[in-house]
Amino acid sequence: MNPFYLVCIAFGLSLDAFAVSLTSGTIIRELRFSHGLRMSVFFGAFQMLMPILGWAAGTVFADSISGYDHWIAFALLAFVGGRMVWEGLPFKKESSDTDYCNPATHDCRHLPTLLMLSLATSLDAMAVGLTFAMIRVAILLPSLAIGVITFFVSLSGYFLGKKIGEKINVELDIVGGLVLIAIGVKILLEHLLS
């Protein structure tokens, strides 16, 4: 495969992870470098593994996976984004001190949420792996390139988000949740309108 095309594919696949990293870095004031690094490792690892899974599935499952992968991505991002919006509402913030709700369940520091975000942002990579299987492209080098580029793109999103978050002095949970929902809608519309 042409290296230029491979890099373009990898950057294209990494944009959703970049947006999530950017949003997390912006809205979560307590997000440390270790959180950004862990988020980038998860996003990169999922983006590396999903093409391999798609490639292994080959043409046998191509039709059934492509029929609903966009719905899964939309549902996961809408769920996580919806929780962020809910937690960011003023009445929810006022009552969070007195109830048992754990505010960490809506951000990337919470492992189940990080896993859902990693899966949601990497489902397109599985479709790319299926495509590679159909055109008989070896998968190891492309999947490694996709994973490494996603790692660095996500990490840059984290750093950029932290810089933006330092300059903006308002709570952005609702905005961040709406961004995640918008990413899910974008994934859904790209598949429905293509």
C-alpha atoms as a PDB file:
ATOM      1  CA  MET A   1       0.000   0.000   0.000  1.00  0.00           C
ATOM      2  CA  ASN A   2       1.162   3.511  -0.844  1.00  0.00           C
ATOM      3  CA  PRO A   3       2.657   5.082   2.347  1.00  0.00           C
ATOM      4  CA  PHE A   4       1.021   8.450   1.606  1.00  0.00           C
ATOM      5  CA  TYR A   5      -2.435   6.845   1.432  1.00  0.00           C
ATOM      6  CA  LEU A   6      -1.743   4.883   4.586  1.00  0.00           C
ATOM      7  CA  VAL A   7      -0.796   8.047   6.521  1.00  0.00           C
ATOM      8  CA  CYS A   8      -3.905   9.822   5.198  1.00  0.00           C
ATOM      9  CA  ILE A   9      -6.099   6.903   6.299  1.00  0.00           C
ATOM     10  CA  ALA A  10      -4.425   6.850   9.726  1.00  0.00           C
ATOM     11  CA  PHE A  11      -4.919  10.595  10.230  1.00  0.00           C
ATOM     12  CA  GLY A  12      -8.516  10.355   9.081  1.00  0.00           C
ATOM     13  CA  LEU A  13      -9.224   7.542  11.526  1.00  0.00           C
ATOM     14  CA  SER A  14      -7.517   9.411  14.378  1.00  0.00           C
ATOM     15  CA  LEU A  15      -9.662  12.561  14.132  1.00  0.00           C
ATOM     16  CA  ASP A  16     -12.475  11.251  16.343  1.00  0.00           C
ATOM     17  CA  ALA A  17      -9.929  10.278  19.020  1.00  0.00           C
ATOM     18  CA  PHE A  18      -8.348  13.737  18.641  1.00  0.00           C
ATOM     19  CA  ALA A  19     -11.722  15.413  19.200  1.00  0.00           C
ATOM     20  CA  VAL A  20     -12.416  13.340  22.322  1.00  0.00           C
ATOM     21  CA  SER A  21      -8.909  14.040  23.701  1.00  0.00           C
ATOM     22  CA  LEU A  22      -9.262  17.735  22.944  1.00  0.00           C
ATOM     23  CA  THR A  23     -12.647  17.874  24.643  1.00  0.00           C
ATOM     24  CA  SER A  24     -11.434  15.944  27.694  1.00  0.00           C
ATOM     25  CA  GLY A  25      -8.349  18.123  28.041  1.00  0.00           C
ATOM     26  CA  THR A  26     -10.514  21.238  27.830  1.00  0.00           C
ATOM     27  CA  ILE A  27     -13.301  20.373  30.244  1.00  0.00           C
ATOM     28  CA  ILE A  28     -11.629  18.244  32.931  1.00  0.00           C
ATOM     29  CA  ARG A  29      -9.575  20.631  35.039  1.00  0.00           C
ATOM     30  CA  GLU A  30      -7.994  17.848  37.121  1.00  0.00           C
ATOM     31  CA  LEU A  31      -6.823  15.873  34.066  1.00  0.00           C
ATOM     32  CA  ARG A  32      -3.130  15.160  34.546  1.00  0.00           C
ATOM     33  CA  PHE A  33      -0.527  14.130  31.979  1.00  0.00           C
ATOM     34  CA  SER A  34      -0.853  10.508  33.144  1.00  0.00           C
ATOM     35  CA  HIS A  35      -4.562  10.621  32.254  1.00  0.00           C
ATOM     36  CA  GLY A  36      -3.815  12.094  28.829  1.00  0.00           C
ATOM     37  CA  LEU A  37      -1.128   9.483  28.250  1.00  0.00           C
ATOM     38  CA  ARG A  38      -3.435   6.637  29.285  1.00  0.00           C
ATOM     39  CA  MET A  39      -6.210   7.987  27.065  1.00  0.00           C
ATOM     40  CA  SER A  40      -3.800   8.205  24.105  1.00  0.00           C
ATOM     41  CA  VAL A  41      -2.528   4.664  24.723  1.00  0.00           C
ATOM     42  CA  PHE A  42      -6.092   3.306  24.810  1.00  0.00           C
ATOM     43  CA  PHE A  43      -7.117   5.181  21.662  1.00  0.00           C
ATOM     44  CA  GLY A  44      -3.947   4.114  19.835  1.00  0.00           C
ATOM     45  CA  ALA A  45      -4.249   0.490  20.948  1.00  0.00           C
ATOM     46  CA  PHE A  46      -7.904   0.231  19.922  1.00  0.00           C
ATOM     47  CA  GLN A  47      -7.178   1.897  16.583  1.00  0.00           C
ATOM     48  CA  MET A  48      -4.371  -0.613  16.054  1.00  0.00           C
ATOM     49  CA  LEU A  49      -6.371  -3.697  17.059  1.00  0.00           C
ATOM     50  CA  MET A  50      -9.662  -2.943  15.318  1.00  0.00           C
ATOM     51  CA  PRO A  51      -8.262  -3.092  11.763  1.00  0.00           C
ATOM     52  CA  ILE A  52      -6.725  -6.459  12.631  1.00  0.00           C
ATOM     53  CA  LEU A  53     -10.098  -7.702  13.877  1.00  0.00           C
ATOM     54  CA  GLY A  54     -11.809  -6.351  10.770  1.00  0.00           C
ATOM     55  CA  TRP A  55      -9.198  -7.885   8.518  1.00  0.00           C
ATOM     56  CA  ALA A  56      -9.513 -11.248  10.314  1.00  0.00           C
ATOM     57  CA  ALA A  57     -13.276 -11.177   9.910  1.00  0.00           C
ATOM     58  CA  GLY A  58     -12.689 -10.679   6.203  1.00  0.00           C
ATOM     59  CA  THR A  59     -15.490 -10.620   3.742  1.00  0.00           C
ATOM     60  CA  VAL A  60     -17.544 -13.158   5.717  1.00  0.00           C
ATOM     61  CA  PHE A  61     -18.864 -10.542   8.132  1.00  0.00           C
ATOM     62  CA  ALA A  62     -18.385  -7.422   5.982  1.00  0.00           C
ATOM     63  CA  ASP A  63     -22.055  -6.870   5.242  1.00  0.00           C
ATOM     64  CA  SER A  64     -23.327  -7.514   8.771  1.00  0.00           C
ATOM     65  CA  ILE A  65     -20.688  -5.314  10.472  1.00  0.00           C
ATOM     66  CA  SER A  66     -20.994  -2.411   8.060  1.00  0.00           C
ATOM     67  CA  GLY A  67     -24.735  -2.488   8.569  1.00  0.00           C
ATOM     68  CA  TYR A  68     -24.600  -1.406  12.195  1.00  0.00           C
ATOM     69  CA  ASP A  69     -21.077  -0.242  13.185  1.00  0.00           C
ATOM     70  CA  HIS A  70     -22.159   3.384  12.833  1.00  0.00           C
ATOM     71  CA  TRP A  71     -25.155   2.776  15.119  1.00  0.00           C
ATOM     72  CA  ILE A  72     -22.885   1.279  17.798  1.00  0.00           C
ATOM     73  CA  ALA A  73     -20.470   4.225  17.575  1.00  0.00           C
ATOM     74  CA  PHE A  74     -23.376   6.687  17.737  1.00  0.00           C
ATOM     75  CA  ALA A  75     -24.969   4.925  20.738  1.00  0.00           C
ATOM     76  CA  LEU A  76     -21.712   4.799  22.714  1.00  0.00           C
ATOM     77  CA  LEU A  77     -20.803   8.433  22.045  1.00  0.00           C
ATOM     78  CA  ALA A  78     -24.373   9.614  22.675  1.00  0.00           C
ATOM     79  CA  PHE A  79     -24.429   7.721  25.987  1.00  0.00           C
ATOM     80  CA  VAL A  80     -21.119   9.159  27.208  1.00  0.00           C
ATOM     81  CA  GLY A  81     -21.953  12.637  25.880  1.00  0.00           C
ATOM     82  CA  GLY A  82     -25.438  12.496  27.406  1.00  0.00           C
ATOM     83  CA  ARG A  83     -23.951  11.664  30.804  1.00  0.00           C
ATOM     84  CA  MET A  84     -21.591  14.622  30.494  1.00  0.00           C
ATOM     85  CA  VAL A  85     -24.466  16.959  29.628  1.00  0.00           C
ATOM     86  CA  TRP A  86     -26.526  15.572  32.522  1.00  0.00           C
ATOM     87  CA  GLU A  87     -23.656  15.978  34.996  1.00  0.00           C
ATOM     88  CA  GLY A  88     -23.025  19.522  33.734  1.00  0.00           C
ATOM     89  CA  LEU A  89     -26.564  20.760  34.353  1.00  0.00           C
ATOM     90  CA  PRO A  90     -26.729  23.366  37.145  1.00  0.00           C
ATOM     91  CA  PHE A  91     -29.237  21.473  39.308  1.00  0.00           C
ATOM     92  CA  LYS A  92     -27.144  18.301  38.962  1.00  0.00           C
ATOM     93  CA  LYS A  93     -23.975  20.111  40.053  1.00  0.00           C
ATOM     94  CA  GLU A  94     -25.771  21.527  43.109  1.00  0.00           C
ATOM     95  CA  SER A  95     -26.986  18.098  44.202  1.00  0.00           C
ATOM     96  CA  SER A  96     -23.769  16.201  43.438  1.00  0.00           C
ATOM     97  CA  ASP A  97     -22.339  16.959  46.878  1.00  0.00           C
ATOM     98  CA  THR A  98     -25.260  15.326  48.625  1.00  0.00           C
ATOM     99  CA  ASP A  99     -25.998  12.282  46.487  1.00  0.00           C
ATOM    100  CA  TYR A 100     -24.121   9.066  45.804  1.00  0.00           C
ATOM    101  CA  CYS A 101     -23.485   9.820  42.136  1.00  0.00           C
ATOM    102  CA  ASN A 102     -19.812   9.494  41.201  1.00  0.00           C
ATOM    103  CA  PRO A 103     -18.882  12.380  38.871  1.00  0.00           C
ATOM    104  CA  ALA A 104     -15.932  10.389  37.512  1.00  0.00           C
ATOM    105  CA  THR A 105     -18.294   8.141  35.566  1.00  0.00           C
ATOM    106  CA  HIS A 106     -18.607  10.670  32.740  1.00  0.00           C
ATOM    107  CA  ASP A 107     -14.963  11.297  31.919  1.00  0.00           C
ATOM    108  CA  CYS A 108     -11.932   9.517  30.541  1.00  0.00           C
ATOM    109  CA  ARG A 109     -10.420   8.919  33.990  1.00  0.00           C
ATOM    110  CA  HIS A 110     -13.146   6.337  34.583  1.00  0.00           C
ATOM    111  CA  LEU A 111     -11.999   3.069  32.937  1.00  0.00           C
ATOM    112  CA  PRO A 112     -15.405   1.861  31.622  1.00  0.00           C
ATOM    113  CA  THR A 113     -15.996   5.265  30.017  1.00  0.00           C
ATOM    114  CA  LEU A 114     -12.501   5.223  28.502  1.00  0.00           C
ATOM    115  CA  LEU A 115     -13.156   1.754  27.088  1.00  0.00           C
ATOM    116  CA  MET A 116     -16.473   2.892  25.577  1.00  0.00           C
ATOM    117  CA  LEU A 117     -14.842   5.966  24.042  1.00  0.00           C
ATOM    118  CA  SER A 118     -11.969   3.874  22.686  1.00  0.00           C
ATOM    119  CA  LEU A 119     -14.386   1.412  21.116  1.00  0.00           C
ATOM    120  CA  ALA A 120     -16.678   4.099  19.710  1.00  0.00           C
ATOM    121  CA  THR A 121     -13.846   6.059  18.098  1.00  0.00           C
ATOM    122  CA  SER A 122     -12.241   2.939  16.581  1.00  0.00           C
ATOM    123  CA  LEU A 123     -15.178   1.172  14.927  1.00  0.00           C
ATOM    124  CA  ASP A 124     -14.379   2.861  11.618  1.00  0.00           C
ATOM    125  CA  ALA A 125     -10.920   1.282  11.854  1.00  0.00           C
ATOM    126  CA  MET A 126     -12.565  -2.147  11.859  1.00  0.00           C
ATOM    127  CA  ALA A 127     -14.291  -1.258   8.600  1.00  0.00           C
ATOM    128  CA  VAL A 128     -10.918  -0.198   7.179  1.00  0.00           C
ATOM    129  CA  GLY A 129      -9.509  -3.591   8.212  1.00  0.00           C
ATOM    130  CA  LEU A 130     -12.362  -5.283   6.344  1.00  0.00           C
ATOM    131  CA  THR A 131     -11.522  -3.188   3.311  1.00  0.00           C
ATOM    132  CA  PHE A 132      -7.855  -4.181   3.536  1.00  0.00           C
ATOM    133  CA  ALA A 133      -8.905  -7.841   3.607  1.00  0.00           C
ATOM    134  CA  MET A 134     -11.044  -7.368   0.502  1.00  0.00           C
ATOM    135  CA  ILE A 135      -8.234  -5.734  -1.471  1.00  0.00           C
ATOM    136  CA  ARG A 136      -5.668  -8.212  -0.120  1.00  0.00           C
ATOM    137  CA  VAL A 137      -3.428  -5.787   1.790  1.00  0.00           C
ATOM    138  CA  ALA A 138      -1.254  -7.199   4.574  1.00  0.00           C
ATOM    139  CA  ILE A 139      -2.573  -5.770   7.844  1.00  0.00           C
ATOM    140  CA  LEU A 140       0.330  -5.563  10.313  1.00  0.00           C
ATOM    141  CA  LEU A 141       2.119  -2.464   8.998  1.00  0.00           C
ATOM    142  CA  PRO A 142      -1.098  -0.480   8.330  1.00  0.00           C
ATOM    143  CA  SER A 143      -2.549  -1.293  11.758  1.00  0.00           C
ATOM    144  CA  LEU A 144       0.704  -0.350  13.484  1.00  0.00           C
ATOM    145  CA  ALA A 145       0.826   2.947  11.581  1.00  0.00           C
ATOM    146  CA  ILE A 146      -2.812   3.681  12.443  1.00  0.00           C
ATOM    147  CA  GLY A 147      -2.196   2.962  16.136  1.00  0.00           C
ATOM    148  CA  VAL A 148       0.987   5.036  16.402  1.00  0.00           C
ATOM    149  CA  ILE A 149      -0.454   8.017  14.540  1.00  0.00           C
ATOM    150  CA  THR A 150      -3.634   7.883  16.646  1.00  0.00           C
ATOM    151  CA  PHE A 151      -1.545   7.822  19.830  1.00  0.00           C
ATOM    152  CA  PHE A 152       0.350  10.986  18.874  1.00  0.00           C
ATOM    153  CA  VAL A 153      -2.710  12.756  17.475  1.00  0.00           C
ATOM    154  CA  SER A 154      -4.663  11.984  20.676  1.00  0.00           C
ATOM    155  CA  LEU A 155      -1.805  13.171  22.867  1.00  0.00           C
ATOM    156  CA  SER A 156      -1.607  16.428  20.908  1.00  0.00           C
ATOM    157  CA  GLY A 157      -5.387  16.795  21.369  1.00  0.00           C
ATOM    158  CA  TYR A 158      -4.925  16.396  25.129  1.00  0.00           C
ATOM    159  CA  PHE A 159      -2.204  19.101  25.255  1.00  0.00           C
ATOM    160  CA  LEU A 160      -4.189  21.477  23.060  1.00  0.00           C
ATOM    161  CA  GLY A 161      -7.284  20.885  25.189  1.00  0.00           C
ATOM    162  CA  LYS A 162      -5.352  21.653  28.381  1.00  0.00           C
ATOM    163  CA  LYS A 163      -4.147  24.962  26.881  1.00  0.00           C
ATOM    164  CA  ILE A 164      -7.680  25.878  25.833  1.00  0.00           C
ATOM    165  CA  GLY A 165      -9.026  24.821  29.245  1.00  0.00           C
ATOM    166  CA  GLU A 166      -6.535  27.066  31.053  1.00  0.00           C
ATOM    167  CA  LYS A 167      -7.727  30.101  29.076  1.00  0.00           C
ATOM    168  CA  ILE A 168     -11.448  29.391  29.405  1.00  0.00           C
ATOM    169  CA  ASN A 169     -12.695  29.921  32.922  1.00  0.00           C
ATOM    170  CA  VAL A 170     -16.154  28.341  32.645  1.00  0.00           C
ATOM    171  CA  GLU A 171     -17.542  24.872  33.177  1.00  0.00           C
ATOM    172  CA  LEU A 172     -17.704  23.124  29.809  1.00  0.00           C
ATOM    173  CA  ASP A 173     -19.189  19.721  30.701  1.00  0.00           C
ATOM    174  CA  ILE A 174     -22.304  20.427  28.658  1.00  0.00           C
ATOM    175  CA  VAL A 175     -20.292  21.646  25.659  1.00  0.00           C
ATOM    176  CA  GLY A 176     -17.997  18.620  25.870  1.00  0.00           C
ATOM    177  CA  GLY A 177     -20.958  16.244  26.033  1.00  0.00           C
ATOM    178  CA  LEU A 178     -22.555  17.928  23.039  1.00  0.00           C
ATOM    179  CA  VAL A 179     -19.270  17.595  21.118  1.00  0.00           C
ATOM    180  CA  LEU A 180     -19.207  13.836  21.787  1.00  0.00           C
ATOM    181  CA  ILE A 181     -22.837  13.519  20.722  1.00  0.00           C
ATOM    182  CA  ALA A 182     -22.024  15.539  17.585  1.00  0.00           C
ATOM    183  CA  ILE A 183     -19.154  13.160  16.762  1.00  0.00           C
ATOM    184  CA  GLY A 184     -21.574  10.244  17.117  1.00  0.00           C
ATOM    185  CA  VAL A 185     -24.105  11.975  14.856  1.00  0.00           C
ATOM    186  CA  LYS A 186     -21.334  12.694  12.308  1.00  0.00           C
ATOM    187  CA  ILE A 187     -20.346   9.017  12.231  1.00  0.00           C
ATOM    188  CA  LEU A 188     -23.994   8.010  11.850  1.00  0.00           C
ATOM    189  CA  LEU A 189     -24.713  10.510   9.070  1.00  0.00           C
ATOM    190  CA  GLU A 190     -21.538   9.663   7.152  1.00  0.00           C
ATOM    191  CA  HIS A 191     -22.709   6.052   6.933  1.00  0.00           C
ATOM    192  CA  LEU A 192     -26.386   6.755   6.329  1.00  0.00           C
ATOM    193  CA  LEU A 193     -25.728   9.335   3.588  1.00  0.00           C
ATOM    194  CA  SER A 194     -22.933   7.469   1.818  1.00  0.00           C
END
